[in-house]
């Protein structure tokens, strides 16, 4: 019978800083962020992910132990292949990601929806974007802040499609979503179907290769800091004048670097969010100055 191996890191208290250090180390070692499950219970935090190879699982476990984080217990256990999704699902319950958007796992679709809440049905088994991570929650808050002002919306690194679905719920008329991972795109498509909607564009493509046809009223990019800096010019160029750019995925140690390197005269910083040692920033793109010709034939800027 096929086996996979669960690597589990238990922290004796729910200090988010140590959990974020572990997550960053794993991502830098090649573990996709979408595979890391983070659970908080009372004064304890647990991170877990799954590997096909015992050798790979043991290698990552040694890497985490080498950090010598106080109160961190690392274990590796083999489980039946078909059991891992069940383990994930038992920790994912309906919750409000904003005051009026309720994320509802598909396997609890018949759960009662509180009065006034807008349900977004979601299966995140194979893609990042459950809404439990701080980076996604902060982006959802920015979407709520800009509701009704994002007719044309672009979600870069859509994962499960959650942010794009929230944008649709908040009035986005045309939704474009991309992800480099074809499995994530397949998951996002299934989640669209579960919510009885469709995006105008949903494809597996890197942002570098994405051909922008017209600009967007809101661009959402939940990426790593270095990717945000590297893609800055194209990100800014994708936003329509007067539109919004929301970026997230900035670990607090990297925020000073982001402030120095992510700089454009075209952008005005509207809001900064900080949650569990992660940062997200909302920008607005300046509208171009309007030139007119004075009666004397001179150009003036209004």
Protein backbone atom coordinates (compact mmCIF):
# COMPACT_ATOMS: atom_id res chain seq x y z
CA UNK A 1 0.00 0.00 0.00
CA UNK A 2 1.35 3.44 -0.94
CA UNK A 3 2.58 5.55 1.96
CA UNK A 4 3.33 9.21 2.37
CA UNK A 5 5.17 10.80 5.27
CA UNK A 6 3.86 13.54 7.51
CA UNK A 7 6.43 15.94 8.95
CA UNK A 8 5.02 17.72 11.99
CA UNK A 9 6.52 20.59 13.97
CA UNK A 10 4.86 21.38 17.28
CA UNK A 11 5.53 24.65 19.09
CA UNK A 12 4.72 24.91 22.79
CA UNK A 13 3.15 28.34 22.41
CA UNK A 14 1.42 30.13 19.55
CA UNK A 15 4.22 32.65 18.91
CA UNK A 16 3.67 33.36 15.21
CA UNK A 17 7.29 34.48 14.69
CA UNK A 18 8.76 31.00 15.06
CA UNK A 19 6.06 29.49 12.86
CA UNK A 20 6.86 32.04 10.16
CA UNK A 21 10.60 31.31 10.42
CA UNK A 22 9.89 27.62 9.85
CA UNK A 23 7.56 28.37 6.93
CA UNK A 24 10.15 30.61 5.27
CA UNK A 25 12.91 28.01 5.70
CA UNK A 26 10.70 25.34 4.13
CA UNK A 27 9.66 27.53 1.19
CA UNK A 28 13.31 28.39 0.54
CA UNK A 29 14.09 24.65 0.63
CA UNK A 30 11.50 23.97 -2.08
CA UNK A 31 8.41 23.04 -0.06
CA UNK A 32 5.44 24.80 -1.69
CA UNK A 33 3.63 27.14 0.72
CA UNK A 34 0.35 25.49 -0.32
CA UNK A 35 1.51 22.21 1.28
CA UNK A 36 2.14 23.62 4.75
CA UNK A 37 -0.81 23.34 7.14
CA UNK A 38 -0.69 25.72 10.09
CA UNK A 39 -2.93 25.10 13.11
CA UNK A 40 -3.39 27.19 16.26
CA UNK A 41 -4.97 25.73 19.34
CA UNK A 42 -4.92 27.59 22.66
CA UNK A 43 -1.23 28.04 23.47
CA UNK A 44 0.10 25.61 20.85
CA UNK A 45 0.96 25.96 17.16
CA UNK A 46 1.53 23.03 14.79
CA UNK A 47 2.86 23.02 11.24
CA UNK A 48 2.66 19.90 9.10
CA UNK A 49 3.26 18.90 5.50
CA UNK A 50 3.59 15.67 3.52
CA UNK A 51 6.36 14.06 1.48
CA UNK A 52 6.32 11.06 -0.85
CA UNK A 53 9.82 10.01 0.21
CA UNK A 54 10.96 9.11 3.74
CA UNK A 55 14.42 10.42 2.87
CA UNK A 56 12.95 13.79 1.83
CA UNK A 57 10.84 13.97 4.98
CA UNK A 58 13.85 13.18 7.19
CA UNK A 59 15.98 15.79 5.37
CA UNK A 60 13.43 18.54 6.06
CA UNK A 61 13.05 17.38 9.67
CA UNK A 62 16.82 17.68 10.17
CA UNK A 63 16.76 21.15 8.62
CA UNK A 64 14.11 22.31 11.11
CA UNK A 65 15.92 20.72 14.07
CA UNK A 66 19.11 22.53 13.06
CA UNK A 67 17.35 25.85 13.73
CA UNK A 68 17.33 24.90 17.43
CA UNK A 69 14.13 26.81 18.08
CA UNK A 70 13.11 26.71 21.72
CA UNK A 71 10.12 24.48 22.38
CA UNK A 72 9.96 23.03 18.84
CA UNK A 73 9.28 19.27 18.58
CA UNK A 74 9.79 17.67 15.15
CA UNK A 75 8.41 14.26 14.16
CA UNK A 76 8.05 12.15 10.99
CA UNK A 77 5.31 9.53 10.60
CA UNK A 78 4.20 7.33 7.71
CA UNK A 79 0.48 7.30 6.86
CA UNK A 80 -1.69 5.74 4.18
CA UNK A 81 -1.74 7.81 1.01
CA UNK A 82 -5.51 8.17 0.94
CA UNK A 83 -5.66 9.40 4.55
CA UNK A 84 -3.78 12.69 4.21
CA UNK A 85 -6.65 14.72 2.72
CA UNK A 86 -8.89 13.60 5.56
CA UNK A 87 -6.35 14.86 8.08
CA UNK A 88 -6.31 18.26 6.38
CA UNK A 89 -10.07 18.57 6.18
CA UNK A 90 -10.70 18.01 9.87
CA UNK A 91 -8.82 21.24 10.69
CA UNK A 92 -10.61 23.42 8.10
CA UNK A 93 -13.98 24.70 9.36
CA UNK A 94 -16.24 27.54 8.09
CA UNK A 95 -15.06 31.00 9.16
CA UNK A 96 -15.46 34.68 8.27
CA UNK A 97 -12.45 36.01 6.37
CA UNK A 98 -14.02 39.50 6.36
CA UNK A 99 -17.04 40.73 8.32
CA UNK A 100 -19.35 39.79 5.44
CA UNK A 101 -17.54 36.98 3.53
CA UNK A 102 -17.72 33.47 5.01
CA UNK A 103 -15.36 30.80 3.68
CA UNK A 104 -17.16 27.45 3.65
CA UNK A 105 -15.23 24.23 2.90
CA UNK A 106 -17.04 22.22 0.23
CA UNK A 107 -17.34 19.21 2.51
CA UNK A 108 -19.38 21.39 4.93
CA UNK A 109 -21.47 23.01 2.20
CA UNK A 110 -24.72 22.38 4.03
CA UNK A 111 -23.56 24.15 7.20
CA UNK A 112 -25.73 27.04 8.36
CA UNK A 113 -24.69 30.42 6.94
CA UNK A 114 -25.09 33.29 9.44
CA UNK A 115 -27.54 36.00 8.44
CA UNK A 116 -25.94 38.66 6.27
CA UNK A 117 -22.89 36.56 5.37
CA UNK A 118 -21.89 35.91 1.76
CA UNK A 119 -20.67 32.31 1.42
CA UNK A 120 -17.64 31.42 -0.70
CA UNK A 121 -17.41 27.65 -1.12
CA UNK A 122 -13.88 26.31 -1.28
CA UNK A 123 -11.81 23.18 -1.69
CA UNK A 124 -8.12 23.87 -1.05
CA UNK A 125 -6.83 20.31 -0.87
CA UNK A 126 -4.43 20.82 -3.77
CA UNK A 127 -3.80 24.59 -3.79
CA UNK A 128 -2.73 27.41 -1.50
CA UNK A 129 -5.42 29.85 -0.43
CA UNK A 130 -7.62 28.53 2.37
CA UNK A 131 -7.86 32.02 3.83
CA UNK A 132 -6.35 30.83 7.12
CA UNK A 133 -2.95 32.38 6.43
CA UNK A 134 -2.35 35.99 7.46
CA UNK A 135 -1.25 37.06 3.97
CA UNK A 136 -4.57 35.99 2.44
CA UNK A 137 -6.64 37.52 5.24
CA UNK A 138 -4.96 40.91 4.80
CA UNK A 139 -5.58 40.84 1.05
CA UNK A 140 -9.23 40.00 1.65
CA UNK A 141 -9.41 43.07 3.90
CA UNK A 142 -8.07 45.25 1.09
CA UNK A 143 -10.67 43.83 -1.29
CA UNK A 144 -13.42 44.75 1.14
CA UNK A 145 -12.01 48.24 1.47
CA UNK A 146 -12.13 48.69 -2.33
CA UNK A 147 -15.47 46.95 -2.94
CA UNK A 148 -17.44 48.50 -5.76
CA UNK A 149 -14.28 50.05 -7.26
CA UNK A 150 -12.65 47.11 -9.02
CA UNK A 151 -14.55 46.45 -12.22
CA UNK A 152 -11.57 44.73 -13.88
CA UNK A 153 -9.63 42.54 -11.44
CA UNK A 154 -6.39 40.52 -11.79
CA UNK A 155 -5.29 37.88 -9.26
CA UNK A 156 -1.63 36.86 -9.67
CA UNK A 157 -0.85 33.49 -8.08
CA UNK A 158 -4.52 32.69 -7.58
CA UNK A 159 -4.02 29.28 -5.94
CA UNK A 160 -7.47 28.05 -4.91
CA UNK A 161 -9.04 31.14 -6.51
CA UNK A 162 -10.22 32.48 -3.14
CA UNK A 163 -9.23 36.12 -3.61
CA UNK A 164 -10.70 36.18 -7.11
CA UNK A 165 -13.96 34.73 -5.75
CA UNK A 166 -14.03 37.37 -3.01
CA UNK A 167 -13.41 40.09 -5.61
CA UNK A 168 -16.37 38.78 -7.61
CA UNK A 169 -18.52 38.83 -4.46
CA UNK A 170 -17.47 42.45 -3.92
CA UNK A 171 -18.56 43.51 -7.38
CA UNK A 172 -15.67 42.84 -9.76
CA UNK A 173 -17.29 42.56 -13.19
CA UNK A 174 -14.35 41.02 -15.06
CA UNK A 175 -12.06 38.66 -13.16
CA UNK A 176 -8.71 37.46 -14.49
CA UNK A 177 -6.72 34.88 -12.51
CA UNK A 178 -3.38 33.21 -13.21
CA UNK A 179 -1.10 30.75 -11.46
CA UNK A 180 2.08 29.04 -12.56
CA UNK A 181 0.80 25.75 -11.09
CA UNK A 182 -1.67 23.92 -13.40
CA UNK A 183 -3.05 21.96 -10.41
CA UNK A 184 -3.92 25.25 -8.70
CA UNK A 185 -5.71 26.46 -11.83
CA UNK A 186 -7.68 23.21 -11.97
CA UNK A 187 -8.64 23.71 -8.31
CA UNK A 188 -9.66 27.34 -8.93
CA UNK A 189 -11.82 26.24 -11.86
CA UNK A 190 -13.58 23.66 -9.66
CA UNK A 191 -14.14 26.32 -6.98
CA UNK A 192 -15.66 28.65 -9.58
CA UNK A 193 -18.04 25.89 -10.54
CA UNK A 194 -18.91 25.25 -6.89
CA UNK A 195 -19.79 28.94 -6.53
CA UNK A 196 -21.77 28.97 -9.80
CA UNK A 197 -19.60 31.58 -11.43
CA UNK A 198 -16.89 31.81 -14.07
CA UNK A 199 -13.84 33.99 -14.48
CA UNK A 200 -13.22 35.83 -17.75
CA UNK A 201 -9.66 34.45 -17.77
CA UNK A 202 -8.18 31.55 -15.78
CA UNK A 203 -4.95 29.99 -17.00
CA UNK A 204 -1.69 28.43 -15.88
CA UNK A 205 0.92 31.01 -16.83
CA UNK A 206 3.66 32.95 -15.05
CA UNK A 207 3.12 36.67 -14.64
CA UNK A 208 6.28 37.25 -16.70
CA UNK A 209 4.65 35.47 -19.64
CA UNK A 210 1.16 36.85 -19.09
CA UNK A 211 0.17 39.14 -21.97
CA UNK A 212 -1.68 42.10 -20.52
CA UNK A 213 -4.60 43.16 -22.69
CA UNK A 214 -5.76 46.41 -21.13
CA UNK A 215 -5.16 47.57 -17.59
CA UNK A 216 -6.92 46.57 -14.37
CA UNK A 217 -8.79 48.50 -11.70
CA UNK A 218 -7.35 46.19 -9.03
CA UNK A 219 -4.28 43.95 -9.18
CA UNK A 220 -3.67 41.48 -6.33
CA UNK A 221 -0.25 39.84 -5.95
CA UNK A 222 0.31 37.55 -2.96
CA UNK A 223 3.92 36.59 -3.71
CA UNK A 224 7.32 36.37 -2.03
CA UNK A 225 9.13 39.65 -1.39
CA UNK A 226 11.87 39.07 -3.96
CA UNK A 227 9.30 38.24 -6.64
CA UNK A 228 7.36 41.41 -5.89
CA UNK A 229 10.53 43.49 -6.24
CA UNK A 230 11.59 41.67 -9.42
CA UNK A 231 8.17 42.10 -11.04
CA UNK A 232 7.56 45.66 -9.85
CA UNK A 233 7.64 47.37 -13.25
CA UNK A 234 5.14 44.98 -14.81
CA UNK A 235 2.91 45.03 -11.72
CA UNK A 236 2.68 48.81 -11.76
CA UNK A 237 2.13 48.80 -15.52
CA UNK A 238 -0.83 46.44 -15.17
CA UNK A 239 -2.78 48.90 -13.00
CA UNK A 240 -5.07 51.46 -14.60
CA UNK A 241 -4.65 55.11 -13.55
CA UNK A 242 -6.62 55.58 -10.34
CA UNK A 243 -6.65 51.81 -9.79
CA UNK A 244 -5.30 49.74 -6.91
CA UNK A 245 -2.32 47.42 -6.44
CA UNK A 246 -2.36 45.13 -3.38
CA UNK A 247 0.76 43.12 -2.51
CA UNK A 248 1.26 40.58 0.24
CA UNK A 249 3.61 37.77 1.25
CA UNK A 250 6.18 40.14 2.78
CA UNK A 251 7.76 38.61 5.90
CA UNK A 252 8.52 41.23 8.54
CA UNK A 253 12.32 40.78 8.22
CA UNK A 254 12.00 41.64 4.53
CA UNK A 255 9.74 44.66 4.94
CA UNK A 256 12.58 47.25 5.16
CA UNK A 257 14.04 45.80 1.93
CA UNK A 258 10.61 45.96 0.31
CA UNK A 259 10.20 49.61 1.36
CA UNK A 260 13.56 50.50 -0.19
CA UNK A 261 13.27 48.54 -3.41
CA UNK A 262 9.55 48.67 -4.22
CA UNK A 263 9.28 52.32 -5.06
CA UNK A 264 7.47 54.07 -7.90
CA UNK A 265 6.43 57.67 -8.39
CA UNK A 266 3.28 56.31 -10.01
CA UNK A 267 2.09 54.78 -6.72
CA UNK A 268 0.66 56.26 -3.55
CA UNK A 269 0.65 54.04 -0.47
CA UNK A 270 -2.93 53.86 0.82
CA UNK A 271 -2.68 51.31 3.64
CA UNK A 272 -0.26 48.93 5.34
CA UNK A 273 -1.52 45.80 7.12
CA UNK A 274 0.53 43.75 9.59
CA UNK A 275 -0.57 40.38 10.93
CA UNK A 276 1.42 37.52 12.49
CA UNK A 277 4.76 38.93 11.28
CA UNK A 278 3.56 39.36 7.70
CA UNK A 279 2.98 42.62 5.85
CA UNK A 280 0.63 43.60 3.04
CA UNK A 281 0.46 46.97 1.31
CA UNK A 282 -2.30 48.64 -0.68
CA UNK A 283 -1.26 51.23 -3.29
CA UNK A 284 -3.24 53.46 -5.58
CA UNK A 285 -1.89 54.47 -8.98
CA UNK A 286 -1.80 58.18 -9.64
CA UNK A 287 -4.04 59.49 -12.39
CA UNK A 288 -2.04 61.34 -15.07
CA UNK A 289 -1.96 65.10 -14.87
CA UNK A 290 -4.35 66.76 -17.32
CA UNK A 291 -2.71 69.23 -19.67
CA UNK A 292 -4.53 72.08 -21.32
CA UNK A 293 -3.51 74.94 -23.59
CA UNK A 294 -3.99 78.41 -22.18
CA UNK A 295 -5.33 81.28 -24.17
CA UNK A 296 -1.78 82.53 -24.69
CA UNK A 297 -0.85 79.20 -26.28
CA UNK A 298 1.19 77.99 -23.29
CA UNK A 299 0.75 74.53 -21.82
CA UNK A 300 -0.53 74.42 -18.26
CA UNK A 301 -1.00 71.43 -15.97
CA UNK A 302 -4.20 71.24 -13.93
